[in-house]
């Protein structure tokens, strides 16, 4: 996949991009709303590519079964409608008009058009936006199955969408694509069984933004992630760079309720609201921040976290 640089009013919004896509993987790009819209338009011009937009609607006078039959007929899809109803877990709704469905179900139905697309590359904009939890789980499973035959790209401004399904995640800014390290590993260092007794100490985490040094108290921090080997501290929806490594930050914050939930993430457990299980090997933690942030949880850390939280 090749995308030429996009310049708006003399400012480079999107640099030139060249990415090798492959089947068996779901590829995610997380960026801001402006770049996402521009990139969607550029991808729509790529050959053999189907683009699913978040705002596309459906024929609301049809029933669910009638819609799937209509899409089957115009696409030349070979599987029977009944088979697809079972696959999509819509058998109980087959006779219901789309106009009578909850909005989340209507969005879910629109997403299912990708299964009838003949193009080999599928691009989805914010596929989990406004879906209910059960619909997210079902669609995540279906998307993994579809990736065996198609090349799939998820474009989102919300990292949570990418975390649910993507095997590789990149962040796009004006400098280019930067791969985020979400790879799980069974070779992570063993958990230290004996934890030293907590000591009272004054601790400040030094960060930098716009050439200013900003010091944060540990309870202010939501989570910390590693991007391109640099620690990025998230506080109230804002990001700040930090010269310390994740290992150094983990040591400094171990007595303040922080947990190394992934080799690339440290999370403030006081900010964790929900443990999400997407698949048997895919987990996330949703935080109680204004941005409704979600961070990955390594499967090798799941047991340790449950023990720590007595769940």
C-alpha atoms as a PDB file:
ATOM      1  CA  UNK A   1       0.000   0.000   0.000  1.00  0.00           C
ATOM      2  CA  UNK A   2       1.428   3.365  -1.066  1.00  0.00           C
ATOM      3  CA  UNK A   3       0.041   6.783  -0.100  1.00  0.00           C
ATOM      4  CA  UNK A   4       1.554  10.011  -1.392  1.00  0.00           C
ATOM      5  CA  UNK A   5       2.188  12.885   1.003  1.00  0.00           C
ATOM      6  CA  UNK A   6      -0.802  15.184   1.582  1.00  0.00           C
ATOM      7  CA  UNK A   7      -0.166  18.909   2.090  1.00  0.00           C
ATOM      8  CA  UNK A   8      -2.913  21.318   3.220  1.00  0.00           C
ATOM      9  CA  UNK A   9      -2.280  25.099   3.230  1.00  0.00           C
ATOM     10  CA  UNK A  10       1.444  24.500   2.998  1.00  0.00           C
ATOM     11  CA  UNK A  11       1.467  22.112   5.960  1.00  0.00           C
ATOM     12  CA  UNK A  12       2.260  18.436   5.551  1.00  0.00           C
ATOM     13  CA  UNK A  13      -0.665  16.623   7.149  1.00  0.00           C
ATOM     14  CA  UNK A  14       0.207  13.119   6.001  1.00  0.00           C
ATOM     15  CA  UNK A  15       3.722  12.105   4.921  1.00  0.00           C
ATOM     16  CA  UNK A  16       4.267   9.570   2.161  1.00  0.00           C
ATOM     17  CA  UNK A  17       3.433   6.074   3.416  1.00  0.00           C
ATOM     18  CA  UNK A  18       4.396   2.642   2.165  1.00  0.00           C
ATOM     19  CA  UNK A  19       3.210  -0.372   4.133  1.00  0.00           C
ATOM     20  CA  UNK A  20       3.315  -4.046   3.254  1.00  0.00           C
ATOM     21  CA  UNK A  21      -0.066  -5.572   4.080  1.00  0.00           C
ATOM     22  CA  UNK A  22      -0.639  -9.279   4.459  1.00  0.00           C
ATOM     23  CA  UNK A  23      -3.439 -11.683   5.137  1.00  0.00           C
ATOM     24  CA  UNK A  24      -3.853 -13.391   8.511  1.00  0.00           C
ATOM     25  CA  UNK A  25      -3.315 -10.030  10.228  1.00  0.00           C
ATOM     26  CA  UNK A  26      -5.520  -7.052  11.044  1.00  0.00           C
ATOM     27  CA  UNK A  27      -3.593  -3.817  10.600  1.00  0.00           C
ATOM     28  CA  UNK A  28      -4.504  -0.762  12.696  1.00  0.00           C
ATOM     29  CA  UNK A  29      -3.715   2.934  12.233  1.00  0.00           C
ATOM     30  CA  UNK A  30      -4.499   5.315  15.088  1.00  0.00           C
ATOM     31  CA  UNK A  31      -4.435   9.030  14.272  1.00  0.00           C
ATOM     32  CA  UNK A  32      -6.412  12.242  14.746  1.00  0.00           C
ATOM     33  CA  UNK A  33      -9.749  12.953  13.067  1.00  0.00           C
ATOM     34  CA  UNK A  34      -8.311  15.247  10.366  1.00  0.00           C
ATOM     35  CA  UNK A  35      -5.674  12.766   9.205  1.00  0.00           C
ATOM     36  CA  UNK A  36      -8.152   9.905   9.409  1.00  0.00           C
ATOM     37  CA  UNK A  37     -10.611  11.602   7.031  1.00  0.00           C
ATOM     38  CA  UNK A  38      -7.876  12.490   4.542  1.00  0.00           C
ATOM     39  CA  UNK A  39      -6.389   8.994   4.688  1.00  0.00           C
ATOM     40  CA  UNK A  40      -9.818   7.408   4.144  1.00  0.00           C
ATOM     41  CA  UNK A  41     -10.235   9.441   0.954  1.00  0.00           C
ATOM     42  CA  UNK A  42      -6.774   8.399  -0.227  1.00  0.00           C
ATOM     43  CA  UNK A  43      -7.401   4.727   0.525  1.00  0.00           C
ATOM     44  CA  UNK A  44     -10.718   4.821  -1.328  1.00  0.00           C
ATOM     45  CA  UNK A  45      -8.689   5.553  -4.487  1.00  0.00           C
ATOM     46  CA  UNK A  46      -6.511   2.474  -4.027  1.00  0.00           C
ATOM     47  CA  UNK A  47      -7.214  -0.439  -6.394  1.00  0.00           C
ATOM     48  CA  UNK A  48      -9.087  -3.493  -5.122  1.00  0.00           C
ATOM     49  CA  UNK A  49     -10.075  -1.698  -1.874  1.00  0.00           C
ATOM     50  CA  UNK A  50     -13.436  -1.526  -0.072  1.00  0.00           C
ATOM     51  CA  UNK A  51     -13.946   1.296   2.444  1.00  0.00           C
ATOM     52  CA  UNK A  52     -16.528   1.017   5.246  1.00  0.00           C
ATOM     53  CA  UNK A  53     -17.395   4.432   6.692  1.00  0.00           C
ATOM     54  CA  UNK A  54     -18.819   4.997  10.148  1.00  0.00           C
ATOM     55  CA  UNK A  55     -21.661   7.184   8.836  1.00  0.00           C
ATOM     56  CA  UNK A  56     -22.976   4.877   6.113  1.00  0.00           C
ATOM     57  CA  UNK A  57     -26.629   3.923   6.575  1.00  0.00           C
ATOM     58  CA  UNK A  58     -28.913   1.082   5.534  1.00  0.00           C
ATOM     59  CA  UNK A  59     -32.280   0.552   3.816  1.00  0.00           C
ATOM     60  CA  UNK A  60     -34.444   0.888   6.906  1.00  0.00           C
ATOM     61  CA  UNK A  61     -37.674  -0.344   5.286  1.00  0.00           C
ATOM     62  CA  UNK A  62     -36.195  -3.802   4.791  1.00  0.00           C
ATOM     63  CA  UNK A  63     -36.073  -6.541   7.367  1.00  0.00           C
ATOM     64  CA  UNK A  64     -32.701  -7.960   8.427  1.00  0.00           C
ATOM     65  CA  UNK A  65     -33.264 -11.042   6.278  1.00  0.00           C
ATOM     66  CA  UNK A  66     -34.351  -8.970   3.266  1.00  0.00           C
ATOM     67  CA  UNK A  67     -31.269  -6.766   3.557  1.00  0.00           C
ATOM     68  CA  UNK A  68     -28.873  -9.718   3.623  1.00  0.00           C
ATOM     69  CA  UNK A  69     -30.661 -11.259   0.641  1.00  0.00           C
ATOM     70  CA  UNK A  70     -30.419  -7.945  -1.239  1.00  0.00           C
ATOM     71  CA  UNK A  71     -26.685  -7.623  -0.515  1.00  0.00           C
ATOM     72  CA  UNK A  72     -26.150 -11.276  -1.480  1.00  0.00           C
ATOM     73  CA  UNK A  73     -27.871 -10.782  -4.832  1.00  0.00           C
ATOM     74  CA  UNK A  74     -26.011  -7.608  -5.853  1.00  0.00           C
ATOM     75  CA  UNK A  75     -22.639  -8.946  -4.689  1.00  0.00           C
ATOM     76  CA  UNK A  76     -22.950 -12.463  -6.103  1.00  0.00           C
ATOM     77  CA  UNK A  77     -22.079 -13.939  -2.711  1.00  0.00           C
ATOM     78  CA  UNK A  78     -22.397 -17.720  -2.683  1.00  0.00           C
ATOM     79  CA  UNK A  79     -23.410 -18.539   0.907  1.00  0.00           C
ATOM     80  CA  UNK A  80     -27.155 -18.854   1.736  1.00  0.00           C
ATOM     81  CA  UNK A  81     -28.815 -16.086   3.753  1.00  0.00           C
ATOM     82  CA  UNK A  82     -29.661 -18.521   6.537  1.00  0.00           C
ATOM     83  CA  UNK A  83     -26.000 -19.439   6.916  1.00  0.00           C
ATOM     84  CA  UNK A  84     -25.005 -15.782   7.191  1.00  0.00           C
ATOM     85  CA  UNK A  85     -27.770 -15.071   9.724  1.00  0.00           C
ATOM     86  CA  UNK A  86     -26.332 -17.794  11.949  1.00  0.00           C
ATOM     87  CA  UNK A  87     -22.768 -16.598  11.402  1.00  0.00           C
ATOM     88  CA  UNK A  88     -23.727 -13.024  12.310  1.00  0.00           C
ATOM     89  CA  UNK A  89     -25.912 -14.186  15.259  1.00  0.00           C
ATOM     90  CA  UNK A  90     -28.982 -12.450  13.814  1.00  0.00           C
ATOM     91  CA  UNK A  91     -31.426 -15.352  13.533  1.00  0.00           C
ATOM     92  CA  UNK A  92     -33.713 -13.942  16.240  1.00  0.00           C
ATOM     93  CA  UNK A  93     -33.930 -10.612  14.368  1.00  0.00           C
ATOM     94  CA  UNK A  94     -34.356 -11.927  10.819  1.00  0.00           C
ATOM     95  CA  UNK A  95     -37.986 -10.699  10.461  1.00  0.00           C
ATOM     96  CA  UNK A  96     -37.474  -7.352  12.190  1.00  0.00           C
ATOM     97  CA  UNK A  97     -37.370  -4.151  10.136  1.00  0.00           C
ATOM     98  CA  UNK A  98     -34.089  -2.304  10.344  1.00  0.00           C
ATOM     99  CA  UNK A  99     -35.891   0.883  11.352  1.00  0.00           C
ATOM    100  CA  UNK A 100     -37.064  -0.907  14.515  1.00  0.00           C
ATOM    101  CA  UNK A 101     -33.603  -2.052  15.536  1.00  0.00           C
ATOM    102  CA  UNK A 102     -31.516  -0.225  18.158  1.00  0.00           C
ATOM    103  CA  UNK A 103     -28.976   2.129  16.607  1.00  0.00           C
ATOM    104  CA  UNK A 104     -26.092  -0.135  17.625  1.00  0.00           C
ATOM    105  CA  UNK A 105     -27.643  -3.059  15.718  1.00  0.00           C
ATOM    106  CA  UNK A 106     -28.120  -0.872  12.653  1.00  0.00           C
ATOM    107  CA  UNK A 107     -24.431   0.083  12.748  1.00  0.00           C
ATOM    108  CA  UNK A 108     -23.508  -3.576  13.224  1.00  0.00           C
ATOM    109  CA  UNK A 109     -25.528  -4.487  10.123  1.00  0.00           C
ATOM    110  CA  UNK A 110     -23.750  -1.840   8.055  1.00  0.00           C
ATOM    111  CA  UNK A 111     -20.400  -3.260   9.112  1.00  0.00           C
ATOM    112  CA  UNK A 112     -21.435  -6.710   7.902  1.00  0.00           C
ATOM    113  CA  UNK A 113     -21.352  -5.482   4.299  1.00  0.00           C
ATOM    114  CA  UNK A 114     -17.603  -6.109   4.333  1.00  0.00           C
ATOM    115  CA  UNK A 115     -18.300  -9.867   4.259  1.00  0.00           C
ATOM    116  CA  UNK A 116     -19.929  -9.478   0.851  1.00  0.00           C
ATOM    117  CA  UNK A 117     -17.205  -7.259  -0.639  1.00  0.00           C
ATOM    118  CA  UNK A 118     -15.196  -8.855  -3.449  1.00  0.00           C
ATOM    119  CA  UNK A 119     -12.198  -6.535  -2.923  1.00  0.00           C
ATOM    120  CA  UNK A 120      -9.140  -8.061  -1.265  1.00  0.00           C
ATOM    121  CA  UNK A 121      -8.374  -5.035   0.938  1.00  0.00           C
ATOM    122  CA  UNK A 122     -10.962  -3.907   3.493  1.00  0.00           C
ATOM    123  CA  UNK A 123     -10.676  -0.533   5.258  1.00  0.00           C
ATOM    124  CA  UNK A 124     -12.900   0.168   8.259  1.00  0.00           C
ATOM    125  CA  UNK A 125     -13.427   3.531   9.932  1.00  0.00           C
ATOM    126  CA  UNK A 126     -14.066   3.276  13.693  1.00  0.00           C
ATOM    127  CA  UNK A 127     -15.714  -0.175  13.387  1.00  0.00           C
ATOM    128  CA  UNK A 128     -16.591  -0.456  17.078  1.00  0.00           C
ATOM    129  CA  UNK A 129     -17.981   3.062  17.425  1.00  0.00           C
ATOM    130  CA  UNK A 130     -21.407   2.923  19.155  1.00  0.00           C
ATOM    131  CA  UNK A 131     -21.519  -0.890  19.205  1.00  0.00           C
ATOM    132  CA  UNK A 132     -22.681  -2.570  22.393  1.00  0.00           C
ATOM    133  CA  UNK A 133     -20.228  -4.855  24.199  1.00  0.00           C
ATOM    134  CA  UNK A 134     -21.717  -8.117  22.871  1.00  0.00           C
ATOM    135  CA  UNK A 135     -21.731  -6.784  19.306  1.00  0.00           C
ATOM    136  CA  UNK A 136     -18.091  -5.798  19.686  1.00  0.00           C
ATOM    137  CA  UNK A 137     -17.168  -9.290  20.784  1.00  0.00           C
ATOM    138  CA  UNK A 138     -19.045 -10.925  17.903  1.00  0.00           C
ATOM    139  CA  UNK A 139     -17.648  -8.545  15.291  1.00  0.00           C
ATOM    140  CA  UNK A 140     -14.087  -8.938  16.624  1.00  0.00           C
ATOM    141  CA  UNK A 141     -14.369 -12.718  16.151  1.00  0.00           C
ATOM    142  CA  UNK A 142     -15.836 -12.341  12.671  1.00  0.00           C
ATOM    143  CA  UNK A 143     -13.118  -9.890  11.679  1.00  0.00           C
ATOM    144  CA  UNK A 144     -10.395 -12.327  12.700  1.00  0.00           C
ATOM    145  CA  UNK A 145     -12.035 -15.031  10.568  1.00  0.00           C
ATOM    146  CA  UNK A 146     -12.291 -12.673   7.595  1.00  0.00           C
ATOM    147  CA  UNK A 147      -8.612 -11.726   7.890  1.00  0.00           C
ATOM    148  CA  UNK A 148      -7.705 -15.238   6.735  1.00  0.00           C
ATOM    149  CA  UNK A 149      -8.909 -14.257   3.251  1.00  0.00           C
ATOM    150  CA  UNK A 150      -8.620 -10.451   3.198  1.00  0.00           C
ATOM    151  CA  UNK A 151      -6.167  -7.708   4.044  1.00  0.00           C
ATOM    152  CA  UNK A 152      -7.840  -5.590   6.724  1.00  0.00           C
ATOM    153  CA  UNK A 153      -7.038  -2.059   7.909  1.00  0.00           C
ATOM    154  CA  UNK A 154      -8.754  -0.327  10.826  1.00  0.00           C
ATOM    155  CA  UNK A 155      -8.547   3.477  10.902  1.00  0.00           C
ATOM    156  CA  UNK A 156      -9.422   5.040  14.219  1.00  0.00           C
ATOM    157  CA  UNK A 157      -8.808   8.068  16.403  1.00  0.00           C
ATOM    158  CA  UNK A 158      -9.491   5.889  19.444  1.00  0.00           C
ATOM    159  CA  UNK A 159      -6.817   3.376  20.423  1.00  0.00           C
ATOM    160  CA  UNK A 160      -9.495   1.099  21.901  1.00  0.00           C
ATOM    161  CA  UNK A 161     -10.787   0.167  18.427  1.00  0.00           C
ATOM    162  CA  UNK A 162      -7.320  -0.936  17.404  1.00  0.00           C
ATOM    163  CA  UNK A 163      -6.676  -2.879  20.602  1.00  0.00           C
ATOM    164  CA  UNK A 164      -9.768  -5.042  20.131  1.00  0.00           C
ATOM    165  CA  UNK A 165      -8.803  -6.606  16.808  1.00  0.00           C
ATOM    166  CA  UNK A 166      -5.453  -5.505  15.449  1.00  0.00           C
ATOM    167  CA  UNK A 167      -2.355  -7.672  15.294  1.00  0.00           C
ATOM    168  CA  UNK A 168      -0.167  -4.691  14.404  1.00  0.00           C
ATOM    169  CA  UNK A 169      -0.925  -1.103  15.420  1.00  0.00           C
ATOM    170  CA  UNK A 170       0.689   2.061  14.086  1.00  0.00           C
ATOM    171  CA  UNK A 171       0.283   5.673  15.160  1.00  0.00           C
ATOM    172  CA  UNK A 172       0.234   8.194  12.296  1.00  0.00           C
ATOM    173  CA  UNK A 173       1.454  11.758  12.778  1.00  0.00           C
ATOM    174  CA  UNK A 174       3.125  14.330  10.528  1.00  0.00           C
ATOM    175  CA  UNK A 175       6.434  12.484  10.921  1.00  0.00           C
ATOM    176  CA  UNK A 176       5.062   9.203   9.604  1.00  0.00           C
ATOM    177  CA  UNK A 177       3.904   5.812  10.888  1.00  0.00           C
ATOM    178  CA  UNK A 178       5.266   4.613  14.224  1.00  0.00           C
ATOM    179  CA  UNK A 179       4.601   1.029  15.224  1.00  0.00           C
ATOM    180  CA  UNK A 180       3.282   0.562  18.755  1.00  0.00           C
ATOM    181  CA  UNK A 181       4.625  -2.441  20.603  1.00  0.00           C
ATOM    182  CA  UNK A 182       1.703  -4.597  21.724  1.00  0.00           C
ATOM    183  CA  UNK A 183       3.301  -7.976  21.154  1.00  0.00           C
ATOM    184  CA  UNK A 184       2.643 -10.365  23.993  1.00  0.00           C
ATOM    185  CA  UNK A 185       5.516 -12.382  25.342  1.00  0.00           C
ATOM    186  CA  UNK A 186       5.796 -15.482  27.486  1.00  0.00           C
ATOM    187  CA  UNK A 187       9.413 -14.623  28.200  1.00  0.00           C
ATOM    188  CA  UNK A 188       8.680 -11.619  30.400  1.00  0.00           C
ATOM    189  CA  UNK A 189      10.768 -11.552  33.581  1.00  0.00           C
ATOM    190  CA  UNK A 190       9.252 -13.516  36.480  1.00  0.00           C
ATOM    191  CA  UNK A 191       7.179 -11.675  39.048  1.00  0.00           C
ATOM    192  CA  UNK A 192       9.078 -10.804  42.193  1.00  0.00           C
ATOM    193  CA  UNK A 193       7.330 -12.846  44.864  1.00  0.00           C
ATOM    194  CA  UNK A 194       8.512 -10.831  47.829  1.00  0.00           C
ATOM    195  CA  UNK A 195       7.644  -7.149  47.720  1.00  0.00           C
ATOM    196  CA  UNK A 196       9.570  -4.864  50.005  1.00  0.00           C
ATOM    197  CA  UNK A 197       7.597  -3.099  52.675  1.00  0.00           C
ATOM    198  CA  UNK A 198       6.222   0.190  51.389  1.00  0.00           C
ATOM    199  CA  UNK A 199       8.132   3.249  52.470  1.00  0.00           C
ATOM    200  CA  UNK A 200       6.751   6.745  52.667  1.00  0.00           C
ATOM    201  CA  UNK A 201       8.617   9.013  50.321  1.00  0.00           C
ATOM    202  CA  UNK A 202       8.052  12.115  48.259  1.00  0.00           C
ATOM    203  CA  UNK A 203       8.047  11.151  44.610  1.00  0.00           C
ATOM    204  CA  UNK A 204       7.687  13.351  41.558  1.00  0.00           C
ATOM    205  CA  UNK A 205       7.688  12.103  37.972  1.00  0.00           C
ATOM    206  CA  UNK A 206       9.570  14.541  35.705  1.00  0.00           C
ATOM    207  CA  UNK A 207       8.127  15.084  32.239  1.00  0.00           C
ATOM    208  CA  UNK A 208       8.624  17.541  29.449  1.00  0.00           C
ATOM    209  CA  UNK A 209       6.276  19.367  27.082  1.00  0.00           C
ATOM    210  CA  UNK A 210       6.953  22.391  24.882  1.00  0.00           C
ATOM    211  CA  UNK A 211      10.421  22.807  26.436  1.00  0.00           C
ATOM    212  CA  UNK A 212       8.882  22.990  29.928  1.00  0.00           C
ATOM    213  CA  UNK A 213       9.712  20.527  32.697  1.00  0.00           C
ATOM    214  CA  UNK A 214       6.506  19.447  34.446  1.00  0.00           C
ATOM    215  CA  UNK A 215       6.496  17.400  37.648  1.00  0.00           C
ATOM    216  CA  UNK A 216       3.545  15.112  38.408  1.00  0.00           C
ATOM    217  CA  UNK A 217       2.511  13.453  41.617  1.00  0.00           C
ATOM    218  CA  UNK A 218       1.944   9.701  40.997  1.00  0.00           C
ATOM    219  CA  UNK A 219      -1.844   9.801  41.705  1.00  0.00           C
ATOM    220  CA  UNK A 220      -2.265  12.348  38.877  1.00  0.00           C
ATOM    221  CA  UNK A 221      -0.966   9.904  36.259  1.00  0.00           C
ATOM    222  CA  UNK A 222      -3.454   7.722  34.359  1.00  0.00           C
ATOM    223  CA  UNK A 223      -1.013   5.426  32.584  1.00  0.00           C
ATOM    224  CA  UNK A 224       2.376   5.338  30.890  1.00  0.00           C
ATOM    225  CA  UNK A 225       3.223   3.785  27.540  1.00  0.00           C
ATOM    226  CA  UNK A 226       6.394   3.180  25.578  1.00  0.00           C
ATOM    227  CA  UNK A 227       6.430   4.560  22.007  1.00  0.00           C
ATOM    228  CA  UNK A 228       9.580   4.101  19.939  1.00  0.00           C
ATOM    229  CA  UNK A 229      11.532   3.319  23.138  1.00  0.00           C
ATOM    230  CA  UNK A 230      10.403   6.592  24.766  1.00  0.00           C
ATOM    231  CA  UNK A 231       8.128   6.770  27.800  1.00  0.00           C
ATOM    232  CA  UNK A 232       4.949   8.807  27.276  1.00  0.00           C
ATOM    233  CA  UNK A 233       2.992   9.832  30.394  1.00  0.00           C
ATOM    234  CA  UNK A 234      -0.788  10.274  30.065  1.00  0.00           C
ATOM    235  CA  UNK A 235      -2.465  12.715  32.453  1.00  0.00           C
ATOM    236  CA  UNK A 236      -6.063  13.888  32.018  1.00  0.00           C
ATOM    237  CA  UNK A 237      -6.105  13.272  28.278  1.00  0.00           C
ATOM    238  CA  UNK A 238      -2.771  15.053  27.678  1.00  0.00           C
ATOM    239  CA  UNK A 239       0.573  13.416  26.882  1.00  0.00           C
ATOM    240  CA  UNK A 240       4.026  14.276  28.193  1.00  0.00           C
ATOM    241  CA  UNK A 241       7.409  12.797  27.309  1.00  0.00           C
ATOM    242  CA  UNK A 242       9.613  11.361  30.023  1.00  0.00           C
ATOM    243  CA  UNK A 243      13.350  10.628  29.906  1.00  0.00           C
ATOM    244  CA  UNK A 244      13.039   7.698  32.330  1.00  0.00           C
ATOM    245  CA  UNK A 245      12.654   4.152  31.031  1.00  0.00           C
ATOM    246  CA  UNK A 246       9.581   2.046  31.844  1.00  0.00           C
ATOM    247  CA  UNK A 247      11.727  -0.097  34.132  1.00  0.00           C
ATOM    248  CA  UNK A 248      12.844   2.993  36.074  1.00  0.00           C
ATOM    249  CA  UNK A 249       9.275   4.308  36.248  1.00  0.00           C
ATOM    250  CA  UNK A 250       7.991   0.932  37.391  1.00  0.00           C
ATOM    251  CA  UNK A 251      10.490   0.930  40.250  1.00  0.00           C
ATOM    252  CA  UNK A 252       9.641   4.500  41.274  1.00  0.00           C
ATOM    253  CA  UNK A 253       5.885   3.881  41.184  1.00  0.00           C
ATOM    254  CA  UNK A 254       5.657   0.400  42.690  1.00  0.00           C
ATOM    255  CA  UNK A 255       4.480   1.752  46.078  1.00  0.00           C
ATOM    256  CA  UNK A 256       1.862   4.067  44.551  1.00  0.00           C
ATOM    257  CA  UNK A 257      -0.611   1.545  43.160  1.00  0.00           C
ATOM    258  CA  UNK A 258       0.860   1.206  39.645  1.00  0.00           C
ATOM    259  CA  UNK A 259       1.004  -2.081  37.761  1.00  0.00           C
ATOM    260  CA  UNK A 260       3.092  -3.176  34.753  1.00  0.00           C
ATOM    261  CA  UNK A 261       0.131  -4.580  32.816  1.00  0.00           C
ATOM    262  CA  UNK A 262       2.104  -5.068  29.592  1.00  0.00           C
ATOM    263  CA  UNK A 263       5.737  -4.800  28.650  1.00  0.00           C
ATOM    264  CA  UNK A 264       4.909  -1.454  27.002  1.00  0.00           C
ATOM    265  CA  UNK A 265       2.418  -0.159  29.602  1.00  0.00           C
ATOM    266  CA  UNK A 266       2.230   0.838  33.264  1.00  0.00           C
ATOM    267  CA  UNK A 267      -1.235   1.636  34.596  1.00  0.00           C
ATOM    268  CA  UNK A 268      -2.510   3.405  37.703  1.00  0.00           C
ATOM    269  CA  UNK A 269      -4.772   0.752  39.240  1.00  0.00           C
ATOM    270  CA  UNK A 270      -6.783   3.430  41.026  1.00  0.00           C
ATOM    271  CA  UNK A 271      -7.946   4.568  37.565  1.00  0.00           C
ATOM    272  CA  UNK A 272      -8.987   1.093  36.330  1.00  0.00           C
ATOM    273  CA  UNK A 273     -12.755   0.653  35.981  1.00  0.00           C
ATOM    274  CA  UNK A 274     -13.168  -2.526  33.932  1.00  0.00           C
ATOM    275  CA  UNK A 275     -11.341  -5.659  32.828  1.00  0.00           C
ATOM    276  CA  UNK A 276     -12.371  -6.476  29.243  1.00  0.00           C
ATOM    277  CA  UNK A 277     -11.996  -9.933  27.716  1.00  0.00           C
ATOM    278  CA  UNK A 278     -12.116  -9.739  23.915  1.00  0.00           C
ATOM    279  CA  UNK A 279     -10.915 -13.277  23.171  1.00  0.00           C
ATOM    280  CA  UNK A 280      -9.290 -15.982  25.282  1.00  0.00           C
ATOM    281  CA  UNK A 281      -5.909 -14.376  24.596  1.00  0.00           C
ATOM    282  CA  UNK A 282      -6.861 -10.708  24.284  1.00  0.00           C
ATOM    283  CA  UNK A 283      -7.549  -8.460  27.286  1.00  0.00           C
ATOM    284  CA  UNK A 284      -7.742  -4.735  28.000  1.00  0.00           C
ATOM    285  CA  UNK A 285      -8.209  -2.423  30.973  1.00  0.00           C
ATOM    286  CA  UNK A 286     -10.669   0.478  30.697  1.00  0.00           C
ATOM    287  CA  UNK A 287      -9.815   3.508  32.834  1.00  0.00           C
ATOM    288  CA  UNK A 288     -11.984   6.038  34.633  1.00  0.00           C
ATOM    289  CA  UNK A 289     -10.586   9.032  32.775  1.00  0.00           C
ATOM    290  CA  UNK A 290     -12.428  11.670  30.812  1.00  0.00           C
ATOM    291  CA  UNK A 291     -11.060  10.144  27.602  1.00  0.00           C
ATOM    292  CA  UNK A 292     -12.417   6.647  28.428  1.00  0.00           C
ATOM    293  CA  UNK A 293      -8.913   5.300  27.832  1.00  0.00           C
ATOM    294  CA  UNK A 294      -8.204   1.618  27.232  1.00  0.00           C
ATOM    295  CA  UNK A 295      -4.805  -0.053  27.658  1.00  0.00           C
ATOM    296  CA  UNK A 296      -3.767  -3.620  26.802  1.00  0.00           C
ATOM    297  CA  UNK A 297      -3.322  -6.313  29.437  1.00  0.00           C
ATOM    298  CA  UNK A 298      -0.806  -9.038  28.667  1.00  0.00           C
ATOM    299  CA  UNK A 299      -2.172 -12.543  29.119  1.00  0.00           C
ATOM    300  CA  UNK A 300       0.941 -13.327  31.171  1.00  0.00           C
ATOM    301  CA  UNK A 301      -0.068 -10.548  33.598  1.00  0.00           C
ATOM    302  CA  UNK A 302      -3.725 -11.536  33.957  1.00  0.00           C
ATOM    303  CA  UNK A 303      -3.282 -13.980  36.841  1.00  0.00           C
ATOM    304  CA  UNK A 304      -1.024 -11.582  38.712  1.00  0.00           C
ATOM    305  CA  UNK A 305      -3.542  -8.746  38.347  1.00  0.00           C
ATOM    306  CA  UNK A 306      -6.450 -10.875  39.523  1.00  0.00           C
ATOM    307  CA  UNK A 307      -4.472 -11.939  42.567  1.00  0.00           C
ATOM    308  CA  UNK A 308      -3.491  -8.353  43.280  1.00  0.00           C
ATOM    309  CA  UNK A 309      -7.123  -7.180  43.055  1.00  0.00           C
ATOM    310  CA  UNK A 310      -8.558 -10.266  44.826  1.00  0.00           C
ATOM    311  CA  UNK A 311     -10.831 -11.192  41.902  1.00  0.00           C
END
